[in-house]
Amino acid sequence: MAELGLNEHHQNEVISYMRFARFKRGLCIKTVDSCFQDLKDSRLVEETFTVDEVTDMLDGLQTVVHSEVESELINTTYTNVLLLRQLFSQAEKWYLRLQTDVSDLENRELLEQVAEFEKSEFTSSNKKPSADLIKPKLAPLNEGGSELLNKTVACLQEENEKLKARLRTIETQATAALDEKVKLEKSLKDLQVIQGDQKTDANQDITELENKVATLKSQFEKTLNDATENQKFLEDDLVTTKHDLLKVQDQLSAAQKELEKKISANSCLP
């Protein structure tokens, strides 16, 4: 048996729709047949007709058939729209968005596949529909489905609220982080300014210190030179003093010897 690539449930729905379409198609064909039959019964009562009479009969038949076929095609279009409306309404209840490809409606290969499917389903010996195919309408969401849908929507709404709360938290954290970044950038700039000032002050202090060291070094060298000169003077004075001391000691020794000579001479007199 030909297949349409659908699951069993959906394929049964297709069969149900095709049965409805075949019924409507049969009515349309019967209507067209009746138009020709009415023409035969009402106008073809004579054996010969003129060209004008034949033309008039064909024009009238064309008008009637055109009206019947146009009415049936319009009705088929509206019927298909209602069918799509049922499917889309069910999809929207589940928050789904269905899409259609109109170009497939003229795909010859697919059309032949549908024709083969119809042939296999409706030309068999048993054409009576099974109990599973007799369904008044597509409405699986009225009771249990609605409850499940409500629970799903509630869960989605709860999840949505959680996501909104999380988004607000993230926005607050992002704002705080941005404020902290601005503060840190300002602190960094202030620190750079302070470091620049400190560097300038340090350079000034180093210069002053170098000047003081140079001054102290100059003073130390001057003092050292003075001390060296003073030491040399003292050493020279010490040598001179020692010479003078030795000279005085020699003079004292000579005087003592002279005195001893005089005392010794006086003691020898009678």
C-alpha atoms as a PDB file:
ATOM      1  CA  MET A   1       0.000   0.000   0.000  1.00  0.00           C
ATOM      2  CA  ALA A   2       1.295   3.470  -0.898  1.00  0.00           C
ATOM      3  CA  GLU A   3       2.462   5.658   1.986  1.00  0.00           C
ATOM      4  CA  LEU A   4       2.697   9.427   2.457  1.00  0.00           C
ATOM      5  CA  GLY A   5       5.517   9.394   4.990  1.00  0.00           C
ATOM      6  CA  LEU A   6       3.176  10.132   7.930  1.00  0.00           C
ATOM      7  CA  ASN A   7       2.460   8.263  11.120  1.00  0.00           C
ATOM      8  CA  GLU A   8      -0.643   6.085  11.351  1.00  0.00           C
ATOM      9  CA  HIS A   9      -2.792   8.681  13.064  1.00  0.00           C
ATOM     10  CA  HIS A  10      -2.028  11.452  10.580  1.00  0.00           C
ATOM     11  CA  GLN A  11      -2.386   9.120   7.612  1.00  0.00           C
ATOM     12  CA  ASN A  12      -5.854   8.168   8.837  1.00  0.00           C
ATOM     13  CA  GLU A  13      -6.700  11.870   9.039  1.00  0.00           C
ATOM     14  CA  VAL A  14      -5.569  12.281   5.430  1.00  0.00           C
ATOM     15  CA  ILE A  15      -7.742   9.375   4.373  1.00  0.00           C
ATOM     16  CA  SER A  16     -10.705  10.935   6.147  1.00  0.00           C
ATOM     17  CA  TYR A  17     -10.175  14.226   4.303  1.00  0.00           C
ATOM     18  CA  MET A  18      -9.733  12.468   0.956  1.00  0.00           C
ATOM     19  CA  ARG A  19     -12.997  10.622   1.519  1.00  0.00           C
ATOM     20  CA  PHE A  20     -14.709  13.981   2.096  1.00  0.00           C
ATOM     21  CA  ALA A  21     -13.033  15.461  -1.010  1.00  0.00           C
ATOM     22  CA  ARG A  22     -14.061  12.464  -3.149  1.00  0.00           C
ATOM     23  CA  PHE A  23     -17.647  12.905  -1.980  1.00  0.00           C
ATOM     24  CA  LYS A  24     -17.634  16.596  -2.910  1.00  0.00           C
ATOM     25  CA  ARG A  25     -15.997  15.803  -6.242  1.00  0.00           C
ATOM     26  CA  GLY A  26     -18.666  13.229  -6.970  1.00  0.00           C
ATOM     27  CA  LEU A  27     -21.393  15.786  -6.267  1.00  0.00           C
ATOM     28  CA  CYS A  28     -19.728  18.268  -8.598  1.00  0.00           C
ATOM     29  CA  ILE A  29     -19.504  15.712 -11.399  1.00  0.00           C
ATOM     30  CA  LYS A  30     -23.155  14.816 -10.903  1.00  0.00           C
ATOM     31  CA  THR A  31     -24.080  18.487 -11.083  1.00  0.00           C
ATOM     32  CA  VAL A  32     -22.213  18.923 -14.365  1.00  0.00           C
ATOM     33  CA  ASP A  33     -23.816  15.762 -15.746  1.00  0.00           C
ATOM     34  CA  SER A  34     -27.227  17.058 -14.767  1.00  0.00           C
ATOM     35  CA  CYS A  35     -26.558  20.293 -16.654  1.00  0.00           C
ATOM     36  CA  PHE A  36     -25.995  18.338 -19.867  1.00  0.00           C
ATOM     37  CA  GLN A  37     -28.989  16.114 -19.134  1.00  0.00           C
ATOM     38  CA  ASP A  38     -31.216  19.128 -18.570  1.00  0.00           C
ATOM     39  CA  LEU A  39     -30.086  20.527 -21.889  1.00  0.00           C
ATOM     40  CA  LYS A  40     -30.929  17.290 -23.621  1.00  0.00           C
ATOM     41  CA  ASP A  41     -34.318  17.055 -21.981  1.00  0.00           C
ATOM     42  CA  SER A  42     -35.332  20.667 -22.454  1.00  0.00           C
ATOM     43  CA  ARG A  43     -33.795  21.726 -25.759  1.00  0.00           C
ATOM     44  CA  LEU A  44     -33.068  18.665 -27.878  1.00  0.00           C
ATOM     45  CA  VAL A  45     -36.669  17.939 -28.763  1.00  0.00           C
ATOM     46  CA  GLU A  46     -36.418  18.567 -32.468  1.00  0.00           C
ATOM     47  CA  GLU A  47     -34.565  16.626 -35.117  1.00  0.00           C
ATOM     48  CA  THR A  48     -32.824  19.549 -36.804  1.00  0.00           C
ATOM     49  CA  PHE A  49     -31.395  22.830 -35.459  1.00  0.00           C
ATOM     50  CA  THR A  50     -29.957  25.865 -37.040  1.00  0.00           C
ATOM     51  CA  VAL A  51     -26.464  27.099 -36.324  1.00  0.00           C
ATOM     52  CA  ASP A  52     -27.809  29.939 -34.212  1.00  0.00           C
ATOM     53  CA  GLU A  53     -29.917  27.551 -32.155  1.00  0.00           C
ATOM     54  CA  VAL A  54     -26.948  25.237 -31.526  1.00  0.00           C
ATOM     55  CA  THR A  55     -24.769  28.209 -30.620  1.00  0.00           C
ATOM     56  CA  ASP A  56     -27.390  29.488 -28.199  1.00  0.00           C
ATOM     57  CA  MET A  57     -27.718  26.074 -26.527  1.00  0.00           C
ATOM     58  CA  LEU A  58     -23.936  25.708 -26.162  1.00  0.00           C
ATOM     59  CA  ASP A  59     -23.583  29.228 -24.763  1.00  0.00           C
ATOM     60  CA  GLY A  60     -26.284  28.530 -22.197  1.00  0.00           C
ATOM     61  CA  LEU A  61     -24.669  25.199 -21.277  1.00  0.00           C
ATOM     62  CA  GLN A  62     -21.291  26.894 -20.951  1.00  0.00           C
ATOM     63  CA  THR A  63     -22.712  29.509 -18.599  1.00  0.00           C
ATOM     64  CA  VAL A  64     -24.356  26.913 -16.380  1.00  0.00           C
ATOM     65  CA  VAL A  65     -21.328  24.601 -16.248  1.00  0.00           C
ATOM     66  CA  HIS A  66     -18.974  27.534 -15.716  1.00  0.00           C
ATOM     67  CA  SER A  67     -21.060  28.725 -12.764  1.00  0.00           C
ATOM     68  CA  GLU A  68     -21.275  25.257 -11.213  1.00  0.00           C
ATOM     69  CA  VAL A  69     -17.532  24.526 -11.602  1.00  0.00           C
ATOM     70  CA  GLU A  70     -16.514  27.977 -10.362  1.00  0.00           C
ATOM     71  CA  SER A  71     -18.785  27.632  -7.336  1.00  0.00           C
ATOM     72  CA  GLU A  72     -17.339  24.204  -6.532  1.00  0.00           C
ATOM     73  CA  LEU A  73     -13.719  25.404  -6.899  1.00  0.00           C
ATOM     74  CA  ILE A  74     -14.396  28.378  -4.638  1.00  0.00           C
ATOM     75  CA  ASN A  75     -16.048  26.099  -2.106  1.00  0.00           C
ATOM     76  CA  THR A  76     -13.041  23.732  -2.272  1.00  0.00           C
ATOM     77  CA  THR A  77     -10.683  26.647  -1.599  1.00  0.00           C
ATOM     78  CA  TYR A  78     -12.705  27.753   1.409  1.00  0.00           C
ATOM     79  CA  THR A  79     -12.841  24.170   2.657  1.00  0.00           C
ATOM     80  CA  ASN A  80      -9.067  23.869   2.449  1.00  0.00           C
ATOM     81  CA  VAL A  81      -8.684  27.154   4.320  1.00  0.00           C
ATOM     82  CA  LEU A  82     -10.927  25.863   7.114  1.00  0.00           C
ATOM     83  CA  LEU A  83      -8.872  22.684   7.292  1.00  0.00           C
ATOM     84  CA  LEU A  84      -5.656  24.701   7.570  1.00  0.00           C
ATOM     85  CA  ARG A  85      -7.333  26.860  10.198  1.00  0.00           C
ATOM     86  CA  GLN A  86      -8.027  23.770  12.322  1.00  0.00           C
ATOM     87  CA  LEU A  87      -4.413  22.633  12.101  1.00  0.00           C
ATOM     88  CA  PHE A  88      -2.966  26.081  12.783  1.00  0.00           C
ATOM     89  CA  SER A  89      -5.323  26.654  15.730  1.00  0.00           C
ATOM     90  CA  GLN A  90      -4.128  23.431  17.356  1.00  0.00           C
ATOM     91  CA  ALA A  91      -0.502  24.379  16.680  1.00  0.00           C
ATOM     92  CA  GLU A  92      -0.977  27.836  18.221  1.00  0.00           C
ATOM     93  CA  LYS A  93      -2.400  26.288  21.391  1.00  0.00           C
ATOM     94  CA  TRP A  94       0.945  24.514  21.725  1.00  0.00           C
ATOM     95  CA  TYR A  95       2.837  27.715  20.809  1.00  0.00           C
ATOM     96  CA  LEU A  96       4.002  26.192  17.529  1.00  0.00           C
ATOM     97  CA  ARG A  97       4.440  27.927  14.180  1.00  0.00           C
ATOM     98  CA  LEU A  98       3.732  25.739  11.182  1.00  0.00           C
ATOM     99  CA  GLN A  99       5.027  26.517   7.699  1.00  0.00           C
ATOM    100  CA  THR A 100       3.746  25.504   4.285  1.00  0.00           C
ATOM    101  CA  ASP A 101       5.507  25.259   0.914  1.00  0.00           C
ATOM    102  CA  VAL A 102       3.035  26.238  -1.807  1.00  0.00           C
ATOM    103  CA  SER A 103       5.477  25.141  -4.514  1.00  0.00           C
ATOM    104  CA  ASP A 104       4.972  21.511  -3.439  1.00  0.00           C
ATOM    105  CA  LEU A 105       1.306  21.783  -4.435  1.00  0.00           C
ATOM    106  CA  GLU A 106       2.386  21.672  -8.096  1.00  0.00           C
ATOM    107  CA  ASN A 107       5.075  19.043  -7.654  1.00  0.00           C
ATOM    108  CA  ARG A 108       4.132  16.420 -10.236  1.00  0.00           C
ATOM    109  CA  GLU A 109       5.950  13.635  -8.432  1.00  0.00           C
ATOM    110  CA  LEU A 110       4.176  14.347  -5.152  1.00  0.00           C
ATOM    111  CA  LEU A 111       0.825  14.686  -6.905  1.00  0.00           C
ATOM    112  CA  GLU A 112       1.329  11.284  -8.507  1.00  0.00           C
ATOM    113  CA  GLN A 113       2.241   9.876  -5.106  1.00  0.00           C
ATOM    114  CA  VAL A 114      -1.026  11.191  -3.677  1.00  0.00           C
ATOM    115  CA  ALA A 115      -2.944   9.784  -6.633  1.00  0.00           C
ATOM    116  CA  GLU A 116      -1.371   6.382  -6.059  1.00  0.00           C
ATOM    117  CA  PHE A 117      -2.221   6.620  -2.367  1.00  0.00           C
ATOM    118  CA  GLU A 118      -5.862   7.434  -3.195  1.00  0.00           C
ATOM    119  CA  LYS A 119      -6.029   4.576  -5.688  1.00  0.00           C
ATOM    120  CA  SER A 120      -4.692   2.090  -3.160  1.00  0.00           C
ATOM    121  CA  GLU A 121      -7.051   3.257  -0.447  1.00  0.00           C
ATOM    122  CA  PHE A 122     -10.341   3.713  -2.325  1.00  0.00           C
ATOM    123  CA  THR A 123     -10.335   1.256  -5.214  1.00  0.00           C
ATOM    124  CA  SER A 124     -10.012  -1.899  -3.127  1.00  0.00           C
ATOM    125  CA  SER A 125     -12.901  -4.299  -2.690  1.00  0.00           C
ATOM    126  CA  ASN A 126     -13.557  -3.123   0.864  1.00  0.00           C
ATOM    127  CA  LYS A 127     -14.392   0.565   0.699  1.00  0.00           C
ATOM    128  CA  LYS A 128     -16.212   0.818   3.999  1.00  0.00           C
ATOM    129  CA  PRO A 129     -14.419   3.077   6.506  1.00  0.00           C
ATOM    130  CA  SER A 130     -13.189   1.508   9.709  1.00  0.00           C
ATOM    131  CA  ALA A 131     -14.262   2.797  13.092  1.00  0.00           C
ATOM    132  CA  ASP A 132     -10.871   4.463  13.572  1.00  0.00           C
ATOM    133  CA  LEU A 133     -11.390   6.610  10.478  1.00  0.00           C
ATOM    134  CA  ILE A 134     -14.767   7.992  11.536  1.00  0.00           C
ATOM    135  CA  LYS A 135     -13.825  11.110  13.476  1.00  0.00           C
ATOM    136  CA  PRO A 136     -16.061  14.169  13.613  1.00  0.00           C
ATOM    137  CA  LYS A 137     -13.284  16.713  14.046  1.00  0.00           C
ATOM    138  CA  LEU A 138      -9.717  17.326  15.135  1.00  0.00           C
ATOM    139  CA  ALA A 139     -10.012  18.218  18.804  1.00  0.00           C
ATOM    140  CA  PRO A 140      -7.521  16.320  20.975  1.00  0.00           C
ATOM    141  CA  LEU A 141      -6.877  19.301  23.242  1.00  0.00           C
ATOM    142  CA  ASN A 142     -10.292  19.964  24.748  1.00  0.00           C
ATOM    143  CA  GLU A 143      -9.903  17.994  27.995  1.00  0.00           C
ATOM    144  CA  GLY A 144      -6.705  16.219  29.024  1.00  0.00           C
ATOM    145  CA  GLY A 145      -4.700  18.071  26.405  1.00  0.00           C
ATOM    146  CA  SER A 146      -5.896  21.418  27.779  1.00  0.00           C
ATOM    147  CA  GLU A 147      -4.810  20.488  31.277  1.00  0.00           C
ATOM    148  CA  LEU A 148      -1.390  19.441  30.013  1.00  0.00           C
ATOM    149  CA  LEU A 149      -1.181  22.626  27.977  1.00  0.00           C
ATOM    150  CA  ASN A 150      -2.070  24.747  31.003  1.00  0.00           C
ATOM    151  CA  LYS A 151       0.645  23.048  33.031  1.00  0.00           C
ATOM    152  CA  THR A 152       3.132  23.592  30.242  1.00  0.00           C
ATOM    153  CA  VAL A 153       2.199  27.273  29.975  1.00  0.00           C
ATOM    154  CA  ALA A 154       2.446  27.658  33.755  1.00  0.00           C
ATOM    155  CA  CYS A 155       5.904  26.084  33.755  1.00  0.00           C
ATOM    156  CA  LEU A 156       6.971  28.321  30.898  1.00  0.00           C
ATOM    157  CA  GLN A 157       5.643  31.406  32.674  1.00  0.00           C
ATOM    158  CA  GLU A 158       7.445  30.418  35.876  1.00  0.00           C
ATOM    159  CA  GLU A 159      10.656  29.853  33.946  1.00  0.00           C
ATOM    160  CA  ASN A 160      10.126  33.200  32.225  1.00  0.00           C
ATOM    161  CA  GLU A 161       9.795  34.972  35.593  1.00  0.00           C
ATOM    162  CA  LYS A 162      12.972  33.269  36.809  1.00  0.00           C
ATOM    163  CA  LEU A 163      14.812  34.388  33.702  1.00  0.00           C
ATOM    164  CA  LYS A 164      13.509  37.951  34.166  1.00  0.00           C
ATOM    165  CA  ALA A 165      14.675  37.961  37.801  1.00  0.00           C
ATOM    166  CA  ARG A 166      18.063  36.607  36.771  1.00  0.00           C
ATOM    167  CA  LEU A 167      18.276  39.256  34.060  1.00  0.00           C
ATOM    168  CA  ARG A 168      17.552  41.991  36.608  1.00  0.00           C
ATOM    169  CA  THR A 169      20.226  40.564  38.905  1.00  0.00           C
ATOM    170  CA  ILE A 170      22.752  40.434  36.074  1.00  0.00           C
ATOM    171  CA  GLU A 171      21.885  44.002  35.067  1.00  0.00           C
ATOM    172  CA  THR A 172      22.389  45.157  38.672  1.00  0.00           C
ATOM    173  CA  GLN A 173      25.712  43.332  38.888  1.00  0.00           C
ATOM    174  CA  ALA A 174      26.767  44.753  35.537  1.00  0.00           C
ATOM    175  CA  THR A 175      25.891  48.285  36.676  1.00  0.00           C
ATOM    176  CA  ALA A 176      27.809  47.800  39.934  1.00  0.00           C
ATOM    177  CA  ALA A 177      30.786  46.400  38.025  1.00  0.00           C
ATOM    178  CA  LEU A 178      30.695  49.381  35.664  1.00  0.00           C
ATOM    179  CA  ASP A 179      30.604  51.827  38.599  1.00  0.00           C
ATOM    180  CA  GLU A 180      33.488  49.969  40.229  1.00  0.00           C
ATOM    181  CA  LYS A 181      35.431  50.134  36.978  1.00  0.00           C
ATOM    182  CA  VAL A 182      34.887  53.890  36.764  1.00  0.00           C
ATOM    183  CA  LYS A 183      36.053  54.287  40.376  1.00  0.00           C
ATOM    184  CA  LEU A 184      39.134  52.153  39.740  1.00  0.00           C
ATOM    185  CA  GLU A 185      39.987  54.118  36.615  1.00  0.00           C
ATOM    186  CA  LYS A 186      39.667  57.387  38.573  1.00  0.00           C
ATOM    187  CA  SER A 187      41.797  55.988  41.389  1.00  0.00           C
ATOM    188  CA  LEU A 188      44.394  54.871  38.851  1.00  0.00           C
ATOM    189  CA  LYS A 189      44.521  58.315  37.299  1.00  0.00           C
ATOM    190  CA  ASP A 190      44.847  59.946  40.740  1.00  0.00           C
ATOM    191  CA  LEU A 191      47.627  57.505  41.642  1.00  0.00           C
ATOM    192  CA  GLN A 192      49.449  58.280  38.422  1.00  0.00           C
ATOM    193  CA  VAL A 193      49.198  61.997  39.183  1.00  0.00           C
ATOM    194  CA  ILE A 194      50.466  61.440  42.733  1.00  0.00           C
ATOM    195  CA  GLN A 195      53.311  59.261  41.474  1.00  0.00           C
ATOM    196  CA  GLY A 196      54.206  61.982  38.997  1.00  0.00           C
ATOM    197  CA  ASP A 197      54.248  64.595  41.779  1.00  0.00           C
ATOM    198  CA  GLN A 198      56.225  62.275  44.034  1.00  0.00           C
ATOM    199  CA  LYS A 199      58.678  61.645  41.247  1.00  0.00           C
ATOM    200  CA  THR A 200      59.088  65.389  40.793  1.00  0.00           C
ATOM    201  CA  ASP A 201      59.525  65.881  44.563  1.00  0.00           C
ATOM    202  CA  ALA A 202      61.976  62.966  44.682  1.00  0.00           C
ATOM    203  CA  ASN A 203      64.021  64.511  41.911  1.00  0.00           C
ATOM    204  CA  GLN A 204      64.051  67.797  43.789  1.00  0.00           C
ATOM    205  CA  ASP A 205      65.055  66.041  47.030  1.00  0.00           C
ATOM    206  CA  ILE A 206      67.834  64.146  45.257  1.00  0.00           C
ATOM    207  CA  THR A 207      69.131  67.348  43.781  1.00  0.00           C
ATOM    208  CA  GLU A 208      69.092  69.068  47.160  1.00  0.00           C
ATOM    209  CA  LEU A 209      70.771  66.054  48.781  1.00  0.00           C
ATOM    210  CA  GLU A 210      73.442  65.980  46.133  1.00  0.00           C
ATOM    211  CA  ASN A 211      74.080  69.662  46.707  1.00  0.00           C
ATOM    212  CA  LYS A 212      74.339  69.088  50.465  1.00  0.00           C
ATOM    213  CA  VAL A 213      76.718  66.161  49.961  1.00  0.00           C
ATOM    214  CA  ALA A 214      78.845  68.256  47.650  1.00  0.00           C
ATOM    215  CA  THR A 215      78.925  71.048  50.215  1.00  0.00           C
ATOM    216  CA  LEU A 216      79.753  68.673  53.050  1.00  0.00           C
ATOM    217  CA  LYS A 217      82.424  67.022  50.935  1.00  0.00           C
ATOM    218  CA  SER A 218      83.950  70.392  50.189  1.00  0.00           C
ATOM    219  CA  GLN A 219      83.817  71.337  53.843  1.00  0.00           C
ATOM    220  CA  PHE A 220      85.340  67.967  54.824  1.00  0.00           C
ATOM    221  CA  GLU A 221      88.154  68.369  52.334  1.00  0.00           C
ATOM    222  CA  LYS A 222      88.822  71.896  53.629  1.00  0.00           C
ATOM    223  CA  THR A 223      88.788  70.708  57.215  1.00  0.00           C
ATOM    224  CA  LEU A 224      91.046  67.791  56.332  1.00  0.00           C
ATOM    225  CA  ASN A 225      93.483  70.103  54.615  1.00  0.00           C
ATOM    226  CA  ASP A 226      93.421  72.441  57.591  1.00  0.00           C
ATOM    227  CA  ALA A 227      93.950  69.523  59.959  1.00  0.00           C
ATOM    228  CA  THR A 228      96.830  68.262  57.860  1.00  0.00           C
ATOM    229  CA  GLU A 229      98.458  71.653  57.817  1.00  0.00           C
ATOM    230  CA  ASN A 230      97.895  72.063  61.554  1.00  0.00           C
ATOM    231  CA  GLN A 231      99.336  68.615  62.204  1.00  0.00           C
ATOM    232  CA  LYS A 232     102.382  69.450  60.136  1.00  0.00           C
ATOM    233  CA  PHE A 233     102.798  72.696  62.062  1.00  0.00           C
ATOM    234  CA  LEU A 234     102.467  70.878  65.349  1.00  0.00           C
ATOM    235  CA  GLU A 235     104.969  68.252  64.274  1.00  0.00           C
ATOM    236  CA  ASP A 236     107.427  70.970  63.273  1.00  0.00           C
ATOM    237  CA  ASP A 237     106.819  72.815  66.558  1.00  0.00           C
ATOM    238  CA  LEU A 238     107.314  69.567  68.476  1.00  0.00           C
ATOM    239  CA  VAL A 239     110.671  68.978  66.806  1.00  0.00           C
ATOM    240  CA  THR A 240     111.721  72.550  67.536  1.00  0.00           C
ATOM    241  CA  THR A 241     110.623  72.204  71.136  1.00  0.00           C
ATOM    242  CA  LYS A 242     112.567  68.965  71.516  1.00  0.00           C
ATOM    243  CA  HIS A 243     115.665  70.638  70.162  1.00  0.00           C
ATOM    244  CA  ASP A 244     115.213  73.517  72.511  1.00  0.00           C
ATOM    245  CA  LEU A 245     114.710  71.079  75.400  1.00  0.00           C
ATOM    246  CA  LEU A 246     117.875  69.211  74.559  1.00  0.00           C
ATOM    247  CA  LYS A 247     119.735  72.526  74.339  1.00  0.00           C
ATOM    248  CA  VAL A 248     118.449  73.599  77.732  1.00  0.00           C
ATOM    249  CA  GLN A 249     119.334  70.213  79.216  1.00  0.00           C
ATOM    250  CA  ASP A 250     122.853  70.565  77.863  1.00  0.00           C
ATOM    251  CA  GLN A 251     123.148  74.038  79.324  1.00  0.00           C
ATOM    252  CA  LEU A 252     121.829  72.809  82.688  1.00  0.00           C
ATOM    253  CA  SER A 253     124.268  69.924  82.708  1.00  0.00           C
ATOM    254  CA  ALA A 254     127.164  72.274  81.955  1.00  0.00           C
ATOM    255  CA  ALA A 255     126.081  74.651  84.706  1.00  0.00           C
ATOM    256  CA  GLN A 256     125.901  71.825  87.214  1.00  0.00           C
ATOM    257  CA  LYS A 257     129.356  70.706  86.262  1.00  0.00           C
ATOM    258  CA  GLU A 258     130.655  74.234  86.602  1.00  0.00           C
ATOM    259  CA  LEU A 259     129.036  74.527  89.998  1.00  0.00           C
ATOM    260  CA  GLU A 260     130.531  71.281  91.159  1.00  0.00           C
ATOM    261  CA  LYS A 261     133.976  72.475  90.045  1.00  0.00           C
ATOM    262  CA  LYS A 262     133.619  75.685  92.071  1.00  0.00           C
ATOM    263  CA  ILE A 263     132.457  73.807  95.155  1.00  0.00           C
ATOM    264  CA  SER A 264     135.315  71.394  94.822  1.00  0.00           C
ATOM    265  CA  ALA A 265     137.812  74.227  94.496  1.00  0.00           C
ATOM    266  CA  ASN A 266     136.583  76.072  97.586  1.00  0.00           C
ATOM    267  CA  SER A 267     136.830  72.971  99.662  1.00  0.00           C
ATOM    268  CA  CYS A 268     140.505  72.618  98.845  1.00  0.00           C
ATOM    269  CA  LEU A 269     141.493  76.099 100.163  1.00  0.00           C
ATOM    270  CA  PRO A 270     143.179  76.306 103.695  1.00  0.00           C
END
